Every structure is written in structure tokens, then in C-alpha cells.
Amino acid sequence: GMVGSRIATEASARGHEVLAVSRSGQSPVPGVTATAADATDAAKVAD
């Protein structure tokens, strides 16, 4: 999203390791690892 992609960009630029999670599984920032998941799924969130 608009805000999430900016957070991913900022955190990655500072050298943090970011796993970007969304329904689409697309990476908001080149080089940032991304995956698809639903935040309502507690078991998947935990994994």
C-alpha cells in the first residue's frame, strides 16, 4: 500500500531485513523479499 511501501523502502534503506507481506505477494521495493499471506490467518502470521 501507499504507506506500507514507504515503510518497506525506509527500513530497507537503513539496512534492515524486510519481509514484505501482502495479498498479492509483490515486492514494493526492488531487492526486498516478498510473500503472499492474509493477516487474519494467525497460523500463517506465526510462520
All heavy atoms as atom14 arrays in JSON, in Angstrom:
{
  "sequence": "GMVGSRIATEASARGHEVLAVSRSGQSPVPGVTATAADATDAAKVAD",
  "atom14_mask": [
    [1, 1, 1, 1, 0, 0, 0, 0, 0, 0, 0, 0, 0, 0],
    [1, 1, 1, 1, 1, 1, 1, 1, 0, 0, 0, 0, 0, 0],
    [1, 1, 1, 1, 1, 1, 1, 0, 0, 0, 0, 0, 0, 0],
    [1, 1, 1, 1, 0, 0, 0, 0, 0, 0, 0, 0, 0, 0],
    [1, 1, 1, 1, 1, 1, 0, 0, 0, 0, 0, 0, 0, 0],
    [1, 1, 1, 1, 1, 1, 1, 1, 1, 1, 1, 0, 0, 0],
    [1, 1, 1, 1, 1, 1, 1, 1, 0, 0, 0, 0, 0, 0],
    [1, 1, 1, 1, 1, 0, 0, 0, 0, 0, 0, 0, 0, 0],
    [1, 1, 1, 1, 1, 1, 1, 0, 0, 0, 0, 0, 0, 0],
    [1, 1, 1, 1, 1, 1, 1, 1, 1, 0, 0, 0, 0, 0],
    [1, 1, 1, 1, 1, 0, 0, 0, 0, 0, 0, 0, 0, 0],
    [1, 1, 1, 1, 1, 1, 0, 0, 0, 0, 0, 0, 0, 0],
    [1, 1, 1, 1, 1, 0, 0, 0, 0, 0, 0, 0, 0, 0],
    [1, 1, 1, 1, 1, 1, 1, 1, 1, 1, 1, 0, 0, 0],
    [1, 1, 1, 1, 0, 0, 0, 0, 0, 0, 0, 0, 0, 0],
    [1, 1, 1, 1, 1, 1, 1, 1, 1, 1, 0, 0, 0, 0],
    [1, 1, 1, 1, 1, 1, 1, 1, 1, 0, 0, 0, 0, 0],
    [1, 1, 1, 1, 1, 1, 1, 0, 0, 0, 0, 0, 0, 0],
    [1, 1, 1, 1, 1, 1, 1, 1, 0, 0, 0, 0, 0, 0],
    [1, 1, 1, 1, 1, 0, 0, 0, 0, 0, 0, 0, 0, 0],
    [1, 1, 1, 1, 1, 1, 1, 0, 0, 0, 0, 0, 0, 0],
    [1, 1, 1, 1, 1, 1, 0, 0, 0, 0, 0, 0, 0, 0],
    [1, 1, 1, 1, 1, 1, 1, 1, 1, 1, 1, 0, 0, 0],
    [1, 1, 1, 1, 1, 1, 0, 0, 0, 0, 0, 0, 0, 0],
    [1, 1, 1, 1, 0, 0, 0, 0, 0, 0, 0, 0, 0, 0],
    [1, 1, 1, 1, 1, 1, 1, 1, 1, 0, 0, 0, 0, 0],
    [1, 1, 1, 1, 1, 1, 0, 0, 0, 0, 0, 0, 0, 0],
    [1, 1, 1, 1, 1, 1, 1, 0, 0, 0, 0, 0, 0, 0],
    [1, 1, 1, 1, 1, 1, 1, 0, 0, 0, 0, 0, 0, 0],
    [1, 1, 1, 1, 1, 1, 1, 0, 0, 0, 0, 0, 0, 0],
    [1, 1, 1, 1, 0, 0, 0, 0, 0, 0, 0, 0, 0, 0],
    [1, 1, 1, 1, 1, 1, 1, 0, 0, 0, 0, 0, 0, 0],
    [1, 1, 1, 1, 1, 1, 1, 0, 0, 0, 0, 0, 0, 0],
    [1, 1, 1, 1, 1, 0, 0, 0, 0, 0, 0, 0, 0, 0],
    [1, 1, 1, 1, 1, 1, 1, 0, 0, 0, 0, 0, 0, 0],
    [1, 1, 1, 1, 1, 0, 0, 0, 0, 0, 0, 0, 0, 0],
    [1, 1, 1, 1, 1, 0, 0, 0, 0, 0, 0, 0, 0, 0],
    [1, 1, 1, 1, 1, 1, 1, 1, 0, 0, 0, 0, 0, 0],
    [1, 1, 1, 1, 1, 0, 0, 0, 0, 0, 0, 0, 0, 0],
    [1, 1, 1, 1, 1, 1, 1, 0, 0, 0, 0, 0, 0, 0],
    [1, 1, 1, 1, 1, 1, 1, 1, 0, 0, 0, 0, 0, 0],
    [1, 1, 1, 1, 1, 0, 0, 0, 0, 0, 0, 0, 0, 0],
    [1, 1, 1, 1, 1, 0, 0, 0, 0, 0, 0, 0, 0, 0],
    [1, 1, 1, 1, 1, 1, 1, 1, 1, 0, 0, 0, 0, 0],
    [1, 1, 1, 1, 1, 1, 1, 0, 0, 0, 0, 0, 0, 0],
    [1, 1, 1, 1, 1, 0, 0, 0, 0, 0, 0, 0, 0, 0],
    [1, 1, 1, 1, 1, 1, 1, 1, 0, 0, 0, 0, 0, 0]
  ],
  "atom14_positions": [
    [[0.82, -1.21, 0.0], [0.0, 0.0, 0.0], [0.85, 1.26, 0.0], [2.09, 1.2, 0.07], [0.0, 0.0, 0.0], [0.0, 0.0, 0.0], [0.0, 0.0, 0.0], [0.0, 0.0, 0.0], [0.0, 0.0, 0.0], [0.0, 0.0, 0.0], [0.0, 0.0, 0.0], [0.0, 0.0, 0.0], [0.0, 0.0, 0.0], [0.0, 0.0, 0.0]],
    [[0.19, 2.41, -0.04], [0.92, 3.68, -0.08], [1.87, 3.82, 1.11], [3.04, 4.18, 0.95], [-0.06, 4.86, -0.09], [0.64, 6.21, -0.1], [-0.48, 7.61, 0.13], [-0.96, 7.42, 1.86], [0.0, 0.0, 0.0], [0.0, 0.0, 0.0], [0.0, 0.0, 0.0], [0.0, 0.0, 0.0], [0.0, 0.0, 0.0], [0.0, 0.0, 0.0]],
    [[1.37, 3.56, 2.3], [2.19, 3.71, 3.49], [3.13, 2.53, 3.67], [4.32, 2.69, 3.96], [1.31, 3.89, 4.74], [2.15, 3.92, 6.01], [0.5, 5.19, 4.62], [0.0, 0.0, 0.0], [0.0, 0.0, 0.0], [0.0, 0.0, 0.0], [0.0, 0.0, 0.0], [0.0, 0.0, 0.0], [0.0, 0.0, 0.0], [0.0, 0.0, 0.0]],
    [[2.61, 1.32, 3.5], [3.44, 0.14, 3.68], [4.65, 0.13, 2.77], [5.75, -0.25, 3.18], [0.0, 0.0, 0.0], [0.0, 0.0, 0.0], [0.0, 0.0, 0.0], [0.0, 0.0, 0.0], [0.0, 0.0, 0.0], [0.0, 0.0, 0.0], [0.0, 0.0, 0.0], [0.0, 0.0, 0.0], [0.0, 0.0, 0.0], [0.0, 0.0, 0.0]],
    [[4.48, 0.53, 1.52], [5.6, 0.53, 0.58], [6.66, 1.54, 1.0], [7.87, 1.3, 0.82], [5.11, 0.83, -0.83], [4.51, 2.11, -0.92], [0.0, 0.0, 0.0], [0.0, 0.0, 0.0], [0.0, 0.0, 0.0], [0.0, 0.0, 0.0], [0.0, 0.0, 0.0], [0.0, 0.0, 0.0], [0.0, 0.0, 0.0], [0.0, 0.0, 0.0]],
    [[6.24, 2.66, 1.59], [7.22, 3.66, 2.06], [7.96, 3.13, 3.29], [9.16, 3.36, 3.44], [6.52, 4.98, 2.41], [6.46, 5.98, 1.27], [5.5, 5.59, 0.22], [5.4, 6.58, -0.84], [4.59, 6.46, -1.88], [3.81, 5.38, -1.99], [4.56, 7.37, -2.83], [0.0, 0.0, 0.0], [0.0, 0.0, 0.0], [0.0, 0.0, 0.0]],
    [[7.26, 2.42, 4.17], [7.93, 1.83, 5.33], [8.95, 0.79, 4.88], [10.08, 0.74, 5.38], [6.91, 1.21, 6.29], [6.04, 2.31, 6.91], [7.61, 0.4, 7.39], [4.86, 1.78, 7.7], [0.0, 0.0, 0.0], [0.0, 0.0, 0.0], [0.0, 0.0, 0.0], [0.0, 0.0, 0.0], [0.0, 0.0, 0.0], [0.0, 0.0, 0.0]],
    [[8.57, -0.05, 3.92], [9.5, -1.04, 3.39], [10.72, -0.37, 2.78], [11.86, -0.82, 2.99], [8.79, -1.91, 2.35], [0.0, 0.0, 0.0], [0.0, 0.0, 0.0], [0.0, 0.0, 0.0], [0.0, 0.0, 0.0], [0.0, 0.0, 0.0], [0.0, 0.0, 0.0], [0.0, 0.0, 0.0], [0.0, 0.0, 0.0], [0.0, 0.0, 0.0]],
    [[10.51, 0.69, 2.04], [11.62, 1.42, 1.41], [12.55, 2.01, 2.46], [13.78, 1.87, 2.38], [11.07, 2.55, 0.52], [10.27, 1.98, -0.53], [12.19, 3.37, -0.09], [0.0, 0.0, 0.0], [0.0, 0.0, 0.0], [0.0, 0.0, 0.0], [0.0, 0.0, 0.0], [0.0, 0.0, 0.0], [0.0, 0.0, 0.0], [0.0, 0.0, 0.0]],
    [[11.98, 2.66, 3.47], [12.78, 3.31, 4.51], [13.56, 2.29, 5.33], [14.76, 2.46, 5.59], [11.86, 4.14, 5.42], [12.58, 4.9, 6.52], [13.43, 6.06, 6.03], [13.14, 6.6, 4.93], [14.38, 6.44, 6.73], [0.0, 0.0, 0.0], [0.0, 0.0, 0.0], [0.0, 0.0, 0.0], [0.0, 0.0, 0.0], [0.0, 0.0, 0.0]],
    [[12.89, 1.22, 5.74], [13.56, 0.21, 6.56], [14.68, -0.48, 5.79], [15.77, -0.71, 6.31], [12.55, -0.8, 7.07], [0.0, 0.0, 0.0], [0.0, 0.0, 0.0], [0.0, 0.0, 0.0], [0.0, 0.0, 0.0], [0.0, 0.0, 0.0], [0.0, 0.0, 0.0], [0.0, 0.0, 0.0], [0.0, 0.0, 0.0], [0.0, 0.0, 0.0]],
    [[14.41, -0.81, 4.53], [15.42, -1.46, 3.71], [16.62, -0.55, 3.48], [17.77, -1.0, 3.53], [14.8, -1.87, 2.37], [15.76, -2.48, 1.53], [0.0, 0.0, 0.0], [0.0, 0.0, 0.0], [0.0, 0.0, 0.0], [0.0, 0.0, 0.0], [0.0, 0.0, 0.0], [0.0, 0.0, 0.0], [0.0, 0.0, 0.0], [0.0, 0.0, 0.0]],
    [[16.35, 0.74, 3.25], [17.44, 1.69, 3.02], [18.34, 1.84, 4.24], [19.53, 2.16, 4.1], [16.86, 3.05, 2.63], [0.0, 0.0, 0.0], [0.0, 0.0, 0.0], [0.0, 0.0, 0.0], [0.0, 0.0, 0.0], [0.0, 0.0, 0.0], [0.0, 0.0, 0.0], [0.0, 0.0, 0.0], [0.0, 0.0, 0.0], [0.0, 0.0, 0.0]],
    [[17.8, 1.58, 5.42], [18.61, 1.68, 6.64], [19.32, 0.36, 6.97], [19.96, 0.26, 8.01], [17.72, 2.08, 7.81], [17.09, 3.45, 7.69], [16.54, 3.9, 9.02], [15.58, 4.98, 8.89], [15.03, 5.62, 9.93], [15.36, 5.27, 11.17], [14.15, 6.58, 9.75], [0.0, 0.0, 0.0], [0.0, 0.0, 0.0], [0.0, 0.0, 0.0]],
    [[19.17, -0.61, 6.11], [19.88, -1.86, 6.3], [19.14, -2.93, 7.05], [19.71, -3.98, 7.37], [0.0, 0.0, 0.0], [0.0, 0.0, 0.0], [0.0, 0.0, 0.0], [0.0, 0.0, 0.0], [0.0, 0.0, 0.0], [0.0, 0.0, 0.0], [0.0, 0.0, 0.0], [0.0, 0.0, 0.0], [0.0, 0.0, 0.0], [0.0, 0.0, 0.0]],
    [[17.85, -2.71, 7.33], [17.06, -3.73, 8.0], [16.6, -4.79, 6.99], [16.38, -4.49, 5.81], [15.85, -3.1, 8.68], [16.22, -2.1, 9.73], [16.95, -2.42, 10.84], [15.97, -0.76, 9.81], [17.14, -1.33, 11.58], [16.54, -0.31, 10.98], [0.0, 0.0, 0.0], [0.0, 0.0, 0.0], [0.0, 0.0, 0.0], [0.0, 0.0, 0.0]],
    [[16.45, -6.0, 7.47], [15.94, -7.09, 6.64], [14.41, -7.05, 6.69], [13.83, -7.18, 7.76], [16.45, -8.43, 7.17], [15.96, -9.63, 6.38], [16.39, -10.95, 6.99], [17.24, -10.94, 7.9], [15.84, -12.0, 6.58], [0.0, 0.0, 0.0], [0.0, 0.0, 0.0], [0.0, 0.0, 0.0], [0.0, 0.0, 0.0], [0.0, 0.0, 0.0]],
    [[13.78, -6.86, 5.55], [12.33, -6.71, 5.49], [11.72, -7.88, 4.72], [12.14, -8.18, 3.6], [11.93, -5.38, 4.8], [10.41, -5.25, 4.74], [12.55, -4.2, 5.54], [0.0, 0.0, 0.0], [0.0, 0.0, 0.0], [0.0, 0.0, 0.0], [0.0, 0.0, 0.0], [0.0, 0.0, 0.0], [0.0, 0.0, 0.0], [0.0, 0.0, 0.0]],
    [[10.73, -8.51, 5.34], [9.88, -9.46, 4.62], [8.56, -8.75, 4.36], [7.81, -8.44, 5.29], [9.65, -10.73, 5.44], [8.68, -11.75, 4.82], [9.18, -12.22, 3.45], [8.46, -12.93, 5.76], [0.0, 0.0, 0.0], [0.0, 0.0, 0.0], [0.0, 0.0, 0.0], [0.0, 0.0, 0.0], [0.0, 0.0, 0.0], [0.0, 0.0, 0.0]],
    [[8.29, -8.46, 3.1], [7.1, -7.71, 2.7], [5.96, -8.67, 2.44], [6.04, -9.52, 1.56], [7.4, -6.87, 1.46], [0.0, 0.0, 0.0], [0.0, 0.0, 0.0], [0.0, 0.0, 0.0], [0.0, 0.0, 0.0], [0.0, 0.0, 0.0], [0.0, 0.0, 0.0], [0.0, 0.0, 0.0], [0.0, 0.0, 0.0], [0.0, 0.0, 0.0]],
    [[4.89, -8.54, 3.22], [3.75, -9.46, 3.13], [2.52, -8.7, 2.63], [2.2, -7.62, 3.13], [3.44, -10.1, 4.49], [2.37, -11.18, 4.34], [4.69, -10.68, 5.13], [0.0, 0.0, 0.0], [0.0, 0.0, 0.0], [0.0, 0.0, 0.0], [0.0, 0.0, 0.0], [0.0, 0.0, 0.0], [0.0, 0.0, 0.0], [0.0, 0.0, 0.0]],
    [[1.85, -9.27, 1.65], [0.62, -8.67, 1.12], [-0.22, -9.77, 0.51], [0.22, -10.91, 0.37], [0.95, -7.62, 0.06], [1.54, -8.22, -1.07], [0.0, 0.0, 0.0], [0.0, 0.0, 0.0], [0.0, 0.0, 0.0], [0.0, 0.0, 0.0], [0.0, 0.0, 0.0], [0.0, 0.0, 0.0], [0.0, 0.0, 0.0], [0.0, 0.0, 0.0]],
    [[-1.44, -9.45, 0.14], [-2.29, -10.44, -0.52], [-1.74, -10.82, -1.89], [-1.89, -11.95, -2.34], [-3.72, -9.9, -0.65], [-4.45, -9.79, 0.69], [-5.87, -9.29, 0.49], [-6.59, -9.11, 1.74], [-7.26, -10.07, 2.35], [-7.32, -11.28, 1.83], [-7.9, -9.83, 3.48], [0.0, 0.0, 0.0], [0.0, 0.0, 0.0], [0.0, 0.0, 0.0]],
    [[-1.1, -9.86, -2.56], [-0.58, -10.12, -3.9], [0.76, -10.84, -3.88], [1.12, -11.53, -4.84], [-0.44, -8.81, -4.67], [0.61, -8.03, -4.12], [0.0, 0.0, 0.0], [0.0, 0.0, 0.0], [0.0, 0.0, 0.0], [0.0, 0.0, 0.0], [0.0, 0.0, 0.0], [0.0, 0.0, 0.0], [0.0, 0.0, 0.0], [0.0, 0.0, 0.0]],
    [[1.52, -10.64, -2.82], [2.85, -11.22, -2.74], [3.9, -10.47, -3.54], [5.02, -10.95, -3.7], [0.0, 0.0, 0.0], [0.0, 0.0, 0.0], [0.0, 0.0, 0.0], [0.0, 0.0, 0.0], [0.0, 0.0, 0.0], [0.0, 0.0, 0.0], [0.0, 0.0, 0.0], [0.0, 0.0, 0.0], [0.0, 0.0, 0.0], [0.0, 0.0, 0.0]],
    [[3.57, -9.29, -4.02], [4.51, -8.5, -4.81], [5.46, -7.74, -3.89], [5.09, -7.35, -2.79], [3.76, -7.51, -5.71], [2.88, -8.18, -6.76], [2.14, -7.17, -7.61], [2.04, -5.99, -7.27], [1.59, -7.64, -8.72], [0.0, 0.0, 0.0], [0.0, 0.0, 0.0], [0.0, 0.0, 0.0], [0.0, 0.0, 0.0], [0.0, 0.0, 0.0]],
    [[6.68, -7.51, -4.37], [7.65, -6.73, -3.61], [7.47, -5.25, -3.88], [7.46, -4.83, -5.05], [9.08, -7.14, -3.96], [10.0, -6.32, -3.26], [0.0, 0.0, 0.0], [0.0, 0.0, 0.0], [0.0, 0.0, 0.0], [0.0, 0.0, 0.0], [0.0, 0.0, 0.0], [0.0, 0.0, 0.0], [0.0, 0.0, 0.0], [0.0, 0.0, 0.0]],
    [[7.33, -4.42, -2.83], [7.16, -2.99, -3.04], [8.48, -2.27, -3.32], [8.47, -1.12, -3.76], [6.57, -2.52, -1.71], [7.15, -3.48, -0.71], [7.23, -4.81, -1.42], [0.0, 0.0, 0.0], [0.0, 0.0, 0.0], [0.0, 0.0, 0.0], [0.0, 0.0, 0.0], [0.0, 0.0, 0.0], [0.0, 0.0, 0.0], [0.0, 0.0, 0.0]],
    [[9.59, -2.97, -3.08], [10.91, -2.36, -3.23], [11.83, -3.38, -3.9], [11.88, -4.53, -3.45], [11.51, -1.97, -1.86], [12.83, -1.22, -2.05], [10.54, -1.13, -1.06], [0.0, 0.0, 0.0], [0.0, 0.0, 0.0], [0.0, 0.0, 0.0], [0.0, 0.0, 0.0], [0.0, 0.0, 0.0], [0.0, 0.0, 0.0], [0.0, 0.0, 0.0]],
    [[12.55, -2.99, -4.93], [13.49, -3.94, -5.54], [14.46, -4.51, -4.51], [15.03, -3.77, -3.7], [14.23, -3.07, -6.58], [13.26, -1.98, -6.92], [12.53, -1.69, -5.64], [0.0, 0.0, 0.0], [0.0, 0.0, 0.0], [0.0, 0.0, 0.0], [0.0, 0.0, 0.0], [0.0, 0.0, 0.0], [0.0, 0.0, 0.0], [0.0, 0.0, 0.0]],
    [[14.62, -5.81, -4.52], [15.54, -6.45, -3.6], [14.95, -6.87, -2.29], [15.59, -7.59, -1.51], [0.0, 0.0, 0.0], [0.0, 0.0, 0.0], [0.0, 0.0, 0.0], [0.0, 0.0, 0.0], [0.0, 0.0, 0.0], [0.0, 0.0, 0.0], [0.0, 0.0, 0.0], [0.0, 0.0, 0.0], [0.0, 0.0, 0.0], [0.0, 0.0, 0.0]],
    [[13.72, -6.43, -1.98], [13.06, -6.81, -0.73], [12.29, -8.11, -0.94], [11.51, -8.23, -1.88], [12.12, -5.7, -0.23], [11.22, -6.2, 0.89], [12.92, -4.5, 0.25], [0.0, 0.0, 0.0], [0.0, 0.0, 0.0], [0.0, 0.0, 0.0], [0.0, 0.0, 0.0], [0.0, 0.0, 0.0], [0.0, 0.0, 0.0], [0.0, 0.0, 0.0]],
    [[12.51, -9.07, -0.07], [11.81, -10.35, -0.16], [10.33, -10.16, 0.1], [9.94, -9.44, 1.02], [12.4, -11.35, 0.85], [13.79, -11.5, 0.6], [11.72, -12.7, 0.75], [0.0, 0.0, 0.0], [0.0, 0.0, 0.0], [0.0, 0.0, 0.0], [0.0, 0.0, 0.0], [0.0, 0.0, 0.0], [0.0, 0.0, 0.0], [0.0, 0.0, 0.0]],
    [[9.49, -10.8, -0.7], [8.05, -10.64, -0.57], [7.36, -11.99, -0.58], [7.87, -12.98, -1.13], [7.51, -9.78, -1.71], [0.0, 0.0, 0.0], [0.0, 0.0, 0.0], [0.0, 0.0, 0.0], [0.0, 0.0, 0.0], [0.0, 0.0, 0.0], [0.0, 0.0, 0.0], [0.0, 0.0, 0.0], [0.0, 0.0, 0.0], [0.0, 0.0, 0.0]],
    [[6.2, -12.04, 0.04], [5.39, -13.25, 0.05], [3.92, -12.88, 0.19], [3.59, -11.77, 0.64], [5.82, -14.2, 1.19], [5.19, -15.47, 1.02], [5.43, -13.63, 2.55], [0.0, 0.0, 0.0], [0.0, 0.0, 0.0], [0.0, 0.0, 0.0], [0.0, 0.0, 0.0], [0.0, 0.0, 0.0], [0.0, 0.0, 0.0], [0.0, 0.0, 0.0]],
    [[3.05, -13.79, -0.17], [1.61, -13.57, -0.07], [1.06, -14.23, 1.18], [1.42, -15.38, 1.49], [0.9, -14.12, -1.3], [0.0, 0.0, 0.0], [0.0, 0.0, 0.0], [0.0, 0.0, 0.0], [0.0, 0.0, 0.0], [0.0, 0.0, 0.0], [0.0, 0.0, 0.0], [0.0, 0.0, 0.0], [0.0, 0.0, 0.0], [0.0, 0.0, 0.0]],
    [[0.21, -13.51, 1.91], [-0.44, -14.07, 3.1], [-1.56, -13.14, 3.52], [-1.61, -11.97, 3.14], [0.55, -14.24, 4.24], [0.0, 0.0, 0.0], [0.0, 0.0, 0.0], [0.0, 0.0, 0.0], [0.0, 0.0, 0.0], [0.0, 0.0, 0.0], [0.0, 0.0, 0.0], [0.0, 0.0, 0.0], [0.0, 0.0, 0.0], [0.0, 0.0, 0.0]],
    [[-2.47, -13.69, 4.32], [-3.6, -12.96, 4.87], [-3.34, -12.75, 6.36], [-3.13, -13.71, 7.1], [-4.87, -13.78, 4.66], [-6.13, -13.04, 5.06], [-6.04, -12.09, 5.87], [-7.21, -13.4, 4.57], [0.0, 0.0, 0.0], [0.0, 0.0, 0.0], [0.0, 0.0, 0.0], [0.0, 0.0, 0.0], [0.0, 0.0, 0.0], [0.0, 0.0, 0.0]],
    [[-3.36, -11.5, 6.8], [-3.04, -11.2, 8.19], [-4.08, -11.72, 9.17], [-3.82, -11.77, 10.37], [-2.88, -9.69, 8.38], [0.0, 0.0, 0.0], [0.0, 0.0, 0.0], [0.0, 0.0, 0.0], [0.0, 0.0, 0.0], [0.0, 0.0, 0.0], [0.0, 0.0, 0.0], [0.0, 0.0, 0.0], [0.0, 0.0, 0.0], [0.0, 0.0, 0.0]],
    [[-5.25, -12.12, 8.68], [-6.25, -12.7, 9.59], [-5.93, -14.15, 9.93], [-6.51, -14.72, 10.86], [-7.66, -12.66, 8.97], [-7.67, -13.46, 7.77], [-8.05, -11.22, 8.62], [0.0, 0.0, 0.0], [0.0, 0.0, 0.0], [0.0, 0.0, 0.0], [0.0, 0.0, 0.0], [0.0, 0.0, 0.0], [0.0, 0.0, 0.0], [0.0, 0.0, 0.0]],
    [[-5.0, -14.76, 9.2], [-4.62, -16.16, 9.41], [-3.5, -16.21, 10.45], [-2.33, -16.07, 10.12], [-4.17, -16.77, 8.09], [-3.86, -18.26, 8.18], [-3.64, -18.76, 9.29], [-3.81, -18.92, 7.12], [0.0, 0.0, 0.0], [0.0, 0.0, 0.0], [0.0, 0.0, 0.0], [0.0, 0.0, 0.0], [0.0, 0.0, 0.0], [0.0, 0.0, 0.0]],
    [[-3.87, -16.41, 11.71], [-2.9, -16.36, 12.8], [-1.78, -17.37, 12.63], [-0.61, -17.09, 12.94], [-3.6, -16.57, 14.14], [0.0, 0.0, 0.0], [0.0, 0.0, 0.0], [0.0, 0.0, 0.0], [0.0, 0.0, 0.0], [0.0, 0.0, 0.0], [0.0, 0.0, 0.0], [0.0, 0.0, 0.0], [0.0, 0.0, 0.0], [0.0, 0.0, 0.0]],
    [[-2.11, -18.56, 12.14], [-1.08, -19.59, 11.96], [-0.06, -19.17, 10.9], [1.15, -19.37, 11.08], [-1.73, -20.91, 11.57], [0.0, 0.0, 0.0], [0.0, 0.0, 0.0], [0.0, 0.0, 0.0], [0.0, 0.0, 0.0], [0.0, 0.0, 0.0], [0.0, 0.0, 0.0], [0.0, 0.0, 0.0], [0.0, 0.0, 0.0], [0.0, 0.0, 0.0]],
    [[-0.53, -18.57, 9.82], [0.38, -18.1, 8.78], [1.22, -16.93, 9.27], [2.41, -16.84, 8.98], [-0.42, -17.69, 7.54], [0.44, -17.31, 6.35], [1.26, -18.48, 5.85], [1.99, -18.13, 4.56], [2.83, -19.26, 4.08], [0.0, 0.0, 0.0], [0.0, 0.0, 0.0], [0.0, 0.0, 0.0], [0.0, 0.0, 0.0], [0.0, 0.0, 0.0]],
    [[0.58, -16.03, 10.03], [1.32, -14.91, 10.62], [2.46, -15.45, 11.48], [3.6, -14.98, 11.41], [0.4, -14.0, 11.45], [1.21, -12.98, 12.25], [-0.61, -13.29, 10.56], [0.0, 0.0, 0.0], [0.0, 0.0, 0.0], [0.0, 0.0, 0.0], [0.0, 0.0, 0.0], [0.0, 0.0, 0.0], [0.0, 0.0, 0.0], [0.0, 0.0, 0.0]],
    [[2.15, -16.44, 12.3], [3.16, -17.02, 13.18], [4.3, -17.64, 12.38], [5.49, -17.46, 12.72], [2.53, -18.06, 14.1], [0.0, 0.0, 0.0], [0.0, 0.0, 0.0], [0.0, 0.0, 0.0], [0.0, 0.0, 0.0], [0.0, 0.0, 0.0], [0.0, 0.0, 0.0], [0.0, 0.0, 0.0], [0.0, 0.0, 0.0], [0.0, 0.0, 0.0]],
    [[3.98, -18.36, 11.32], [5.01, -18.98, 10.49], [5.96, -17.93, 9.91], [7.19, -18.13, 9.89], [4.37, -19.76, 9.34], [3.73, -21.07, 9.8], [4.05, -21.51, 10.92], [2.91, -21.63, 9.05], [0.0, 0.0, 0.0], [0.0, 0.0, 0.0], [0.0, 0.0, 0.0], [0.0, 0.0, 0.0], [0.0, 0.0, 0.0], [0.0, 0.0, 0.0]]
  ]
}
